Amino acid sequence: MILEPFEGMEFESEDAAKIFYDDYARRVGFVMRVMSCRRSERDGKILARRLGCNKEGHCVSIRGKFGPVRKPRPSTREGCKAMIHVKYDKSGKWVITKFVKDHNHPLVVSPREARQTMDEKDKRIQELTAELRNKKRLCATYQEQLNAFMKIVEEHSQQLSKKVQNVVENLKEFESIEQELLHHRI
């Protein structure tokens, strides 16, 4: 059974939503494309993201300044509207606010066939997306290790600070005793 997206479905992160929709796409028989996003004007953080079918839109033939492109390719775009829209919620979750299920083209049943229908650019995008996902996980692990190390350093620093404070207090006490001894000798 394939879990289908639905409006109101929640995810812990934008990446979790992408992973879910990519997995759903593969199981249903299409290739996911990361489409548009909306960013905060204040800090540039991504607030919403649209994920869809790689056959979304229409490929416009690009003409050069001096005539048509030398090697026109067949278009892989078919104007498909299938997509989800996920939005960052005040609760800290990413929520699906729109889901369009229907495709205007046949779906490819086997994931292997779906991979063969992608053009080279889409294949590269998927490879880089997977690599980026792995790098983000690695960065999160490094961040956790760094935070743990910083906590140890902070604790050690506090202990060292207490020891230095004790030494300073002992020196002050020693100086006052030394002063008293000097007064008694005079």
Protein backbone atom coordinates (compact mmCIF):
# COMPACT_ATOMS: atom_id res chain seq x y z
CA MET A 1 0.00 0.00 0.00
CA ILE A 2 1.34 3.45 -0.96
CA LEU A 3 0.83 6.26 1.53
CA GLU A 4 -0.59 9.15 -0.49
CA PRO A 5 0.08 12.80 0.40
CA PHE A 6 -2.86 14.80 1.79
CA GLU A 7 -3.49 18.40 2.77
CA GLY A 8 -2.57 18.87 6.42
CA MET A 9 0.09 16.11 6.40
CA GLU A 10 3.01 17.22 8.62
CA PHE A 11 6.77 16.72 8.41
CA GLU A 12 9.60 17.53 10.80
CA SER A 13 11.60 19.34 8.10
CA GLU A 14 11.58 20.45 4.48
CA ASP A 15 13.98 17.59 3.68
CA ALA A 16 11.60 15.07 5.27
CA ALA A 17 8.81 16.35 2.98
CA LYS A 18 11.12 16.06 -0.06
CA ILE A 19 12.18 12.53 0.88
CA PHE A 20 8.54 11.49 1.38
CA TYR A 21 7.36 12.96 -1.94
CA ASP A 22 10.36 11.55 -3.82
CA ASP A 23 9.62 8.09 -2.39
CA TYR A 24 5.92 8.48 -3.23
CA ALA A 25 6.83 9.56 -6.79
CA ARG A 26 9.04 6.54 -7.32
CA ARG A 27 6.37 4.14 -6.05
CA VAL A 28 3.61 5.69 -8.14
CA GLY A 29 5.75 5.92 -11.28
CA PHE A 30 7.01 9.44 -11.87
CA VAL A 31 10.11 11.46 -11.10
CA MET A 32 9.95 14.28 -8.57
CA ARG A 33 11.25 17.72 -9.46
CA VAL A 34 12.04 20.38 -6.84
CA MET A 35 10.30 23.42 -8.25
CA SER A 36 9.82 26.84 -6.71
CA CYS A 37 10.27 28.15 -3.19
CA ARG A 38 9.26 31.24 -1.24
CA ARG A 39 11.79 32.87 1.08
CA SER A 40 11.51 35.24 4.01
CA GLU A 41 12.38 38.80 3.06
CA ARG A 42 13.81 39.28 6.55
CA ASP A 43 16.37 36.47 6.78
CA GLY A 44 16.12 34.54 3.50
CA LYS A 45 14.85 31.34 5.17
CA ILE A 46 12.69 29.10 2.99
CA LEU A 47 9.05 29.39 4.08
CA ALA A 48 7.34 27.29 1.40
CA ARG A 49 8.34 24.86 -1.34
CA ARG A 50 6.62 23.35 -4.37
CA LEU A 51 7.53 19.79 -5.38
CA GLY A 52 6.11 18.27 -8.53
CA CYS A 53 6.39 15.95 -11.47
CA ASN A 54 9.42 16.31 -13.74
CA LYS A 55 7.03 16.62 -16.68
CA GLU A 56 5.65 19.88 -15.23
CA GLY A 57 5.57 22.89 -17.55
CA HIS A 58 6.49 23.08 -21.20
CA CYS A 59 9.95 23.29 -22.65
CA VAL A 60 10.22 26.48 -24.65
CA SER A 61 12.63 26.14 -27.53
CA ILE A 62 15.50 28.50 -26.97
CA ARG A 63 16.60 30.48 -29.98
CA GLY A 64 20.06 31.91 -30.11
CA LYS A 65 20.88 35.38 -31.40
CA PHE A 66 21.77 33.93 -34.78
CA GLY A 67 18.90 31.50 -35.39
CA PRO A 68 17.63 28.21 -33.99
CA VAL A 69 19.55 26.01 -31.59
CA ARG A 70 21.88 23.61 -33.41
CA LYS A 71 20.62 20.34 -31.88
CA PRO A 72 16.96 20.59 -30.88
CA ARG A 73 15.98 17.85 -28.40
CA PRO A 74 12.57 16.31 -27.89
CA SER A 75 10.83 17.91 -24.90
CA THR A 76 10.47 15.86 -21.72
CA ARG A 77 7.90 18.34 -20.36
CA GLU A 78 4.21 17.72 -20.88
CA GLY A 79 2.49 20.40 -18.77
CA CYS A 80 1.77 18.03 -15.88
CA LYS A 81 0.13 19.72 -12.88
CA ALA A 82 0.80 16.98 -10.27
CA MET A 83 2.46 18.50 -7.22
CA ILE A 84 2.47 19.20 -3.50
CA HIS A 85 2.96 22.55 -1.81
CA VAL A 86 4.57 22.42 1.65
CA LYS A 87 4.71 25.38 3.98
CA TYR A 88 6.62 26.06 7.21
CA ASP A 89 4.06 26.31 10.00
CA LYS A 90 4.24 28.33 13.25
CA SER A 91 4.34 25.00 15.10
CA GLY A 92 7.78 24.36 13.56
CA LYS A 93 6.46 21.65 11.22
CA TRP A 94 6.26 21.58 7.42
CA VAL A 95 2.64 21.06 6.30
CA ILE A 96 1.18 20.09 2.92
CA THR A 97 -1.18 22.93 1.96
CA LYS A 98 -1.98 21.71 -1.57
CA PHE A 99 -1.90 18.32 -3.29
CA VAL A 100 -2.60 17.72 -6.97
CA LYS A 101 -2.66 13.97 -7.67
CA ASP A 102 -3.56 13.66 -11.35
CA HIS A 103 -0.95 13.44 -14.10
CA ASN A 104 -1.65 14.18 -17.77
CA HIS A 105 0.73 11.46 -18.98
CA PRO A 106 1.19 7.74 -18.40
CA LEU A 107 3.04 6.77 -15.24
CA VAL A 108 5.99 4.40 -15.39
CA VAL A 109 5.46 1.45 -13.09
CA SER A 110 9.01 0.35 -12.36
CA PRO A 111 11.42 2.80 -10.71
CA ARG A 112 14.12 1.53 -13.07
CA GLU A 113 12.03 2.63 -16.08
CA ALA A 114 11.33 5.99 -14.43
CA ARG A 115 15.05 6.57 -14.09
CA GLN A 116 15.53 5.82 -17.81
CA THR A 117 12.91 8.41 -18.83
CA MET A 118 14.77 11.24 -17.10
CA ASP A 119 17.00 13.40 -19.20
CA GLU A 120 20.62 13.81 -18.13
CA LYS A 121 19.97 17.08 -16.29
CA ASP A 122 17.23 15.50 -14.16
CA LYS A 123 19.48 12.54 -13.38
CA ARG A 124 22.25 14.89 -12.29
CA ILE A 125 19.81 16.92 -10.16
CA GLN A 126 18.62 13.76 -8.41
CA GLU A 127 22.20 12.59 -7.83
CA LEU A 128 23.18 15.97 -6.40
CA THR A 129 20.02 16.10 -4.27
CA ALA A 130 20.85 12.69 -2.78
CA GLU A 131 24.45 13.80 -2.22
CA LEU A 132 23.26 17.03 -0.58
CA ARG A 133 20.91 15.04 1.67
CA ASN A 134 23.85 12.86 2.77
CA LYS A 135 26.05 15.92 3.34
CA LYS A 136 23.33 17.55 5.45
CA ARG A 137 23.09 14.42 7.60
CA LEU A 138 26.88 14.40 7.94
CA CYS A 139 26.86 18.10 8.89
CA ALA A 140 24.17 17.45 11.50
CA THR A 141 26.33 14.66 12.98
CA TYR A 142 29.38 16.95 13.00
CA GLN A 143 27.29 19.69 14.63
CA GLU A 144 26.18 17.30 17.38
CA GLN A 145 29.78 16.21 17.98
CA LEU A 146 30.97 19.82 18.01
CA ASN A 147 28.24 20.80 20.48
CA ALA A 148 29.19 17.87 22.75
CA PHE A 149 32.87 18.88 22.54
CA MET A 150 32.01 22.53 23.29
CA LYS A 151 30.02 21.43 26.34
CA ILE A 152 33.02 19.44 27.61
CA VAL A 153 35.32 22.43 26.98
CA GLU A 154 32.90 24.74 28.79
CA GLU A 155 32.67 22.39 31.80
CA HIS A 156 36.47 22.07 31.87
CA SER A 157 36.82 25.84 31.60
CA GLN A 158 34.45 26.33 34.55
CA GLN A 159 36.40 23.82 36.65
CA LEU A 160 39.67 25.50 35.70
CA SER A 161 38.20 28.89 36.55
CA LYS A 162 37.20 27.62 40.02
CA LYS A 163 40.71 26.27 40.57
CA VAL A 164 42.27 29.58 39.52
CA GLN A 165 39.86 31.37 41.84
CA ASN A 166 40.95 29.08 44.70
CA VAL A 167 44.62 29.77 43.95
CA VAL A 168 43.97 33.53 43.93
CA GLU A 169 42.11 33.30 47.26
CA ASN A 170 44.92 31.20 48.77
CA LEU A 171 47.51 33.72 47.58
CA LYS A 172 45.54 36.60 49.10
CA GLU A 173 45.29 34.65 52.36
CA PHE A 174 49.02 33.88 52.23
CA GLU A 175 49.83 37.57 51.58
CA SER A 176 47.72 38.69 54.54
CA ILE A 177 49.45 36.11 56.79
CA GLU A 178 52.83 37.26 55.46
CA GLN A 179 51.91 40.89 56.19
CA GLU A 180 50.93 39.99 59.75
CA LEU A 181 54.21 38.17 60.28
CA LEU A 182 56.17 41.15 58.99
CA HIS A 183 54.30 43.49 61.39
CA HIS A 184 55.07 41.22 64.34
CA ARG A 185 58.80 41.19 63.52
CA ILE A 186 59.03 44.95 63.48
